[in-house]
Amino acid sequence: MTQAQTMTIEEKLTISNKAIALKKAGDLEGYDRLMKTIPLPPYLAKIAKEKIGPEFFIRTGWDLSEAEAEFGQDWLGR
């Protein structure tokens, strides 16, 4: 998926359901890895940046493509 493309709600739900199945099977690392492939909604990314700090995103590897599309490529560093 490129920056210009957005993930549909159906795609997000499919990934989420697979992640939940992994969690139920006891694979918490697999759950976490899959959930981080779903773009974080811009409003949540903005709040988390303000409350937790940008280092959180750098350290944890969440997909920030939707926040970057809304706020700009450099939003995390501002």
Protein backbone atom coordinates (compact mmCIF):
# COMPACT_ATOMS: atom_id res chain seq x y z
CA MET A 1 0.00 0.00 0.00
CA THR A 2 1.40 3.39 -0.94
CA GLN A 3 0.88 6.70 0.78
CA ALA A 4 -1.77 7.66 -1.81
CA GLN A 5 -3.85 4.59 -1.06
CA THR A 6 -5.96 4.24 2.02
CA MET A 7 -7.01 1.04 3.68
CA THR A 8 -10.74 0.38 3.50
CA ILE A 9 -12.76 -0.36 6.61
CA GLU A 10 -13.24 -3.89 5.29
CA GLU A 11 -9.48 -4.36 5.02
CA LYS A 12 -9.01 -2.99 8.52
CA LEU A 13 -11.67 -5.33 9.89
CA THR A 14 -10.16 -8.34 8.12
CA ILE A 15 -6.74 -7.65 9.64
CA SER A 16 -8.30 -6.95 13.03
CA ASN A 17 -10.20 -10.26 12.96
CA LYS A 18 -7.02 -12.16 12.07
CA ALA A 19 -5.19 -10.39 14.89
CA ILE A 20 -7.93 -11.24 17.38
CA ALA A 21 -7.75 -14.89 16.33
CA LEU A 22 -4.01 -14.84 17.01
CA LYS A 23 -4.58 -13.27 20.43
CA LYS A 24 -7.18 -15.90 21.31
CA ALA A 25 -4.67 -18.57 20.27
CA GLY A 26 -2.14 -17.05 22.66
CA ASP A 27 0.06 -15.39 20.03
CA LEU A 28 0.29 -11.91 21.54
CA GLU A 29 3.31 -10.97 19.43
CA GLY A 30 1.43 -11.90 16.24
CA TYR A 31 -1.58 -9.92 17.44
CA ASP A 32 0.54 -6.87 18.15
CA ARG A 33 2.40 -7.14 14.83
CA LEU A 34 -0.84 -7.34 12.80
CA MET A 35 -2.61 -4.56 14.68
CA LYS A 36 0.28 -2.22 13.96
CA THR A 37 -0.28 -2.72 10.21
CA ILE A 38 -3.66 -1.00 10.47
CA PRO A 39 -3.15 2.75 9.99
CA LEU A 40 -3.70 4.59 13.24
CA PRO A 41 -6.52 7.13 12.81
CA PRO A 42 -5.10 10.68 12.65
CA TYR A 43 -7.02 11.90 15.71
CA LEU A 44 -5.65 9.02 17.83
CA ALA A 45 -2.12 9.54 16.51
CA LYS A 46 -2.31 13.25 17.36
CA ILE A 47 -3.56 12.60 20.89
CA ALA A 48 -0.96 9.89 21.50
CA LYS A 49 1.81 12.17 20.23
CA GLU A 50 0.70 14.90 22.64
CA LYS A 51 0.20 12.59 25.64
CA ILE A 52 2.89 9.95 25.14
CA GLY A 53 5.35 11.68 22.82
CA PRO A 54 6.68 11.00 19.34
CA GLU A 55 9.25 8.54 20.66
CA PHE A 56 6.40 6.09 21.25
CA PHE A 57 5.75 5.86 17.52
CA ILE A 58 9.41 5.61 16.64
CA ARG A 59 9.88 2.80 19.15
CA THR A 60 6.71 0.80 18.45
CA GLY A 61 6.30 0.95 14.69
CA TRP A 62 2.64 1.85 14.22
CA ASP A 63 1.41 2.60 10.69
CA LEU A 64 1.08 6.39 10.61
CA SER A 65 0.21 6.75 6.91
CA GLU A 66 -3.22 8.30 7.56
CA ALA A 67 -1.80 10.81 10.05
CA GLU A 68 0.98 11.69 7.59
CA ALA A 69 -1.59 12.19 4.83
CA GLU A 70 -3.62 14.53 7.05
CA PHE A 71 -0.89 16.39 8.96
CA GLY A 72 2.07 16.15 6.55
CA GLN A 73 5.14 13.92 6.37
CA ASP A 74 6.94 15.87 9.10
CA TRP A 75 4.08 16.03 11.63
CA LEU A 76 5.75 13.67 14.06
CA GLY A 77 8.82 15.90 14.39
CA ARG A 78 6.87 19.13 14.84
